[in-house]
Amino acid sequence: MEIIGSGIDATELSRIERLWKRYGERFLARVFTPGEVAYCQHRRNPVPHLAGRFAAKEAAMKALGTGRSQKVLWRDIEVVRSSGPPQLEFHGGAARRFAQLGAESSLLTITHSDAMALAHVLLVSS
């Protein structure tokens, strides 16, 4: 297995809560996919889950080597979870960059405390 890209991000839960309170649904619709919003809103406290997904998207952008840019949008990176650990799905500009790098899969870890959400992303090929 060869590591193609690596990214890590830490996001303050208070920042996500503040953005959500200030911009409401506009913030959610700009950053998260409908599936991500539905998953988080079904939790007792959605904020840690939103912050974890936000951190995962930031970490993925770093692993892709794009940072936040017009070529990769927030919603081009989706955190999905049916059972087991969360996984990344890449769409649009993120999918194009993923293929351009020669990555074959991604590994995602998300954790959070009372104050912070952390995410680490590895892009790998065989």
C-alpha atoms as a PDB file:
ATOM      1  CA  MET A   1       0.000   0.000   0.000  1.00  0.00           C
ATOM      2  CA  GLU A   2       1.345   3.421  -0.982  1.00  0.00           C
ATOM      3  CA  ILE A   3       0.219   6.632   0.708  1.00  0.00           C
ATOM      4  CA  ILE A   4      -0.775   9.152  -1.959  1.00  0.00           C
ATOM      5  CA  GLY A   5      -1.953  11.927   0.369  1.00  0.00           C
ATOM      6  CA  SER A   6      -2.514  12.670   4.035  1.00  0.00           C
ATOM      7  CA  GLY A   7      -4.540  15.357   5.759  1.00  0.00           C
ATOM      8  CA  ILE A   8      -5.551  16.170   9.310  1.00  0.00           C
ATOM      9  CA  ASP A   9      -7.865  18.802  10.741  1.00  0.00           C
ATOM     10  CA  ALA A  10      -9.143  19.969  14.122  1.00  0.00           C
ATOM     11  CA  THR A  11     -12.401  21.899  14.326  1.00  0.00           C
ATOM     12  CA  GLU A  12     -13.867  23.583  17.388  1.00  0.00           C
ATOM     13  CA  LEU A  13     -17.428  22.474  18.071  1.00  0.00           C
ATOM     14  CA  SER A  14     -18.273  26.021  19.166  1.00  0.00           C
ATOM     15  CA  ARG A  15     -17.300  27.323  15.715  1.00  0.00           C
ATOM     16  CA  ILE A  16     -19.678  24.941  13.951  1.00  0.00           C
ATOM     17  CA  GLU A  17     -22.457  25.717  16.417  1.00  0.00           C
ATOM     18  CA  ARG A  18     -21.906  29.456  15.900  1.00  0.00           C
ATOM     19  CA  LEU A  19     -21.996  29.118  12.075  1.00  0.00           C
ATOM     20  CA  TRP A  20     -25.135  26.981  12.235  1.00  0.00           C
ATOM     21  CA  LYS A  21     -26.908  29.471  14.525  1.00  0.00           C
ATOM     22  CA  ARG A  22     -25.867  32.430  12.395  1.00  0.00           C
ATOM     23  CA  TYR A  23     -26.551  31.033   8.908  1.00  0.00           C
ATOM     24  CA  GLY A  24     -28.984  28.194   9.628  1.00  0.00           C
ATOM     25  CA  GLU A  25     -29.992  25.959   6.749  1.00  0.00           C
ATOM     26  CA  ARG A  26     -27.868  28.003   4.345  1.00  0.00           C
ATOM     27  CA  PHE A  27     -24.726  26.874   6.174  1.00  0.00           C
ATOM     28  CA  LEU A  28     -25.850  23.242   6.238  1.00  0.00           C
ATOM     29  CA  ALA A  29     -26.788  23.241   2.534  1.00  0.00           C
ATOM     30  CA  ARG A  30     -23.507  24.830   1.474  1.00  0.00           C
ATOM     31  CA  VAL A  31     -21.195  22.507   3.404  1.00  0.00           C
ATOM     32  CA  PHE A  32     -23.023  19.201   3.868  1.00  0.00           C
ATOM     33  CA  THR A  33     -24.874  16.781   1.603  1.00  0.00           C
ATOM     34  CA  PRO A  34     -28.527  15.974   2.371  1.00  0.00           C
ATOM     35  CA  GLY A  35     -27.439  12.553   3.652  1.00  0.00           C
ATOM     36  CA  GLU A  36     -24.914  14.093   6.041  1.00  0.00           C
ATOM     37  CA  VAL A  37     -27.473  16.569   7.367  1.00  0.00           C
ATOM     38  CA  ALA A  38     -30.056  13.810   7.880  1.00  0.00           C
ATOM     39  CA  TYR A  39     -27.536  11.610   9.713  1.00  0.00           C
ATOM     40  CA  CYS A  40     -26.441  14.420  12.043  1.00  0.00           C
ATOM     41  CA  GLN A  41     -29.918  15.760  12.747  1.00  0.00           C
ATOM     42  CA  HIS A  42     -31.029  12.330  13.939  1.00  0.00           C
ATOM     43  CA  ARG A  43     -28.455  12.506  16.754  1.00  0.00           C
ATOM     44  CA  ARG A  44     -29.331  13.846  20.198  1.00  0.00           C
ATOM     45  CA  ASN A  45     -26.718  16.588  19.732  1.00  0.00           C
ATOM     46  CA  PRO A  46     -25.944  17.152  16.029  1.00  0.00           C
ATOM     47  CA  VAL A  47     -23.063  19.608  16.588  1.00  0.00           C
ATOM     48  CA  PRO A  48     -20.246  17.099  17.319  1.00  0.00           C
ATOM     49  CA  HIS A  49     -21.281  15.048  14.281  1.00  0.00           C
ATOM     50  CA  LEU A  50     -21.442  18.111  12.022  1.00  0.00           C
ATOM     51  CA  ALA A  51     -18.048  19.250  13.327  1.00  0.00           C
ATOM     52  CA  GLY A  52     -16.572  15.802  12.708  1.00  0.00           C
ATOM     53  CA  ARG A  53     -17.781  15.839   9.128  1.00  0.00           C
ATOM     54  CA  PHE A  54     -16.514  19.390   8.664  1.00  0.00           C
ATOM     55  CA  ALA A  55     -13.075  18.332   9.943  1.00  0.00           C
ATOM     56  CA  ALA A  56     -13.151  15.275   7.655  1.00  0.00           C
ATOM     57  CA  LYS A  57     -13.855  17.462   4.615  1.00  0.00           C
ATOM     58  CA  GLU A  58     -11.004  19.829   5.554  1.00  0.00           C
ATOM     59  CA  ALA A  59      -8.644  16.876   6.086  1.00  0.00           C
ATOM     60  CA  ALA A  60      -9.694  15.357   2.755  1.00  0.00           C
ATOM     61  CA  MET A  61      -9.029  18.642   0.929  1.00  0.00           C
ATOM     62  CA  LYS A  62      -5.546  18.672   2.433  1.00  0.00           C
ATOM     63  CA  ALA A  63      -4.972  15.034   1.436  1.00  0.00           C
ATOM     64  CA  LEU A  64      -6.110  15.869  -2.105  1.00  0.00           C
ATOM     65  CA  GLY A  65      -3.629  18.751  -2.125  1.00  0.00           C
ATOM     66  CA  THR A  66      -6.270  21.292  -3.072  1.00  0.00           C
ATOM     67  CA  GLY A  67      -7.175  22.988   0.170  1.00  0.00           C
ATOM     68  CA  ARG A  68     -10.416  24.887  -0.152  1.00  0.00           C
ATOM     69  CA  SER A  69     -10.700  25.921  -3.760  1.00  0.00           C
ATOM     70  CA  GLN A  70     -13.275  26.444  -6.470  1.00  0.00           C
ATOM     71  CA  LYS A  71     -12.188  23.137  -8.009  1.00  0.00           C
ATOM     72  CA  VAL A  72     -13.261  21.118  -4.948  1.00  0.00           C
ATOM     73  CA  LEU A  73     -16.477  22.146  -3.224  1.00  0.00           C
ATOM     74  CA  TRP A  74     -17.534  21.215   0.303  1.00  0.00           C
ATOM     75  CA  ARG A  75     -20.281  18.941  -0.973  1.00  0.00           C
ATOM     76  CA  ASP A  76     -17.872  17.167  -3.350  1.00  0.00           C
ATOM     77  CA  ILE A  77     -16.630  15.298  -0.269  1.00  0.00           C
ATOM     78  CA  GLU A  78     -19.214  13.229   1.579  1.00  0.00           C
ATOM     79  CA  VAL A  79     -18.887  11.294   4.820  1.00  0.00           C
ATOM     80  CA  VAL A  80     -21.111   8.214   4.682  1.00  0.00           C
ATOM     81  CA  ARG A  81     -21.787   5.613   7.307  1.00  0.00           C
ATOM     82  CA  SER A  82     -24.100   2.650   7.103  1.00  0.00           C
ATOM     83  CA  SER A  83     -22.468   0.306   9.585  1.00  0.00           C
ATOM     84  CA  GLY A  84     -18.915   0.276  10.813  1.00  0.00           C
ATOM     85  CA  PRO A  85     -16.503   3.174  10.481  1.00  0.00           C
ATOM     86  CA  PRO A  86     -17.291   6.276   8.420  1.00  0.00           C
ATOM     87  CA  GLN A  87     -16.131   6.312   4.806  1.00  0.00           C
ATOM     88  CA  LEU A  88     -15.485   9.061   2.276  1.00  0.00           C
ATOM     89  CA  GLU A  89     -17.198   9.366  -1.083  1.00  0.00           C
ATOM     90  CA  PHE A  90     -15.753  11.795  -3.604  1.00  0.00           C
ATOM     91  CA  HIS A  91     -17.907  13.611  -6.172  1.00  0.00           C
ATOM     92  CA  GLY A  92     -17.291  16.279  -8.803  1.00  0.00           C
ATOM     93  CA  GLY A  93     -13.949  18.061  -8.500  1.00  0.00           C
ATOM     94  CA  ALA A  94     -12.879  15.912  -5.558  1.00  0.00           C
ATOM     95  CA  ALA A  95     -13.466  12.720  -7.567  1.00  0.00           C
ATOM     96  CA  ARG A  96     -11.467  14.130 -10.483  1.00  0.00           C
ATOM     97  CA  ARG A  97      -8.546  15.054  -8.213  1.00  0.00           C
ATOM     98  CA  PHE A  98      -8.712  11.647  -6.446  1.00  0.00           C
ATOM     99  CA  ALA A  99      -8.382   9.897  -9.827  1.00  0.00           C
ATOM    100  CA  GLN A 100      -5.680  12.311 -11.027  1.00  0.00           C
ATOM    101  CA  LEU A 101      -3.557  11.426  -7.993  1.00  0.00           C
ATOM    102  CA  GLY A 102      -3.927   7.712  -8.722  1.00  0.00           C
ATOM    103  CA  ALA A 103      -5.582   7.041  -5.372  1.00  0.00           C
ATOM    104  CA  GLU A 104      -7.622   3.862  -5.128  1.00  0.00           C
ATOM    105  CA  SER A 105      -9.161   4.202  -1.682  1.00  0.00           C
ATOM    106  CA  SER A 106      -9.303   6.438   1.350  1.00  0.00           C
ATOM    107  CA  LEU A 107      -9.081   5.842   5.077  1.00  0.00           C
ATOM    108  CA  LEU A 108     -10.906   8.148   7.477  1.00  0.00           C
ATOM    109  CA  THR A 109     -10.784   8.513  11.243  1.00  0.00           C
ATOM    110  CA  ILE A 110     -13.020  10.964  13.107  1.00  0.00           C
ATOM    111  CA  THR A 111     -13.110  11.603  16.844  1.00  0.00           C
ATOM    112  CA  HIS A 112     -14.466  14.355  19.058  1.00  0.00           C
ATOM    113  CA  SER A 113     -14.304  15.595  22.619  1.00  0.00           C
ATOM    114  CA  ASP A 114     -16.490  18.122  24.396  1.00  0.00           C
ATOM    115  CA  ALA A 115     -14.706  20.959  22.593  1.00  0.00           C
ATOM    116  CA  MET A 116     -13.028  19.638  19.426  1.00  0.00           C
ATOM    117  CA  ALA A 117     -13.574  17.330  16.470  1.00  0.00           C
ATOM    118  CA  LEU A 118     -10.529  15.774  14.803  1.00  0.00           C
ATOM    119  CA  ALA A 119     -10.259  13.959  11.491  1.00  0.00           C
ATOM    120  CA  HIS A 120      -7.421  12.251   9.651  1.00  0.00           C
ATOM    121  CA  VAL A 121      -7.588  11.150   6.008  1.00  0.00           C
ATOM    122  CA  LEU A 122      -5.192   8.944   4.069  1.00  0.00           C
ATOM    123  CA  LEU A 123      -5.429   8.451   0.320  1.00  0.00           C
ATOM    124  CA  VAL A 124      -3.831   5.177  -0.736  1.00  0.00           C
ATOM    125  CA  SER A 125      -3.086   3.008  -3.750  1.00  0.00           C
ATOM    126  CA  SER A 126      -2.016  -0.624  -3.857  1.00  0.00           C
END
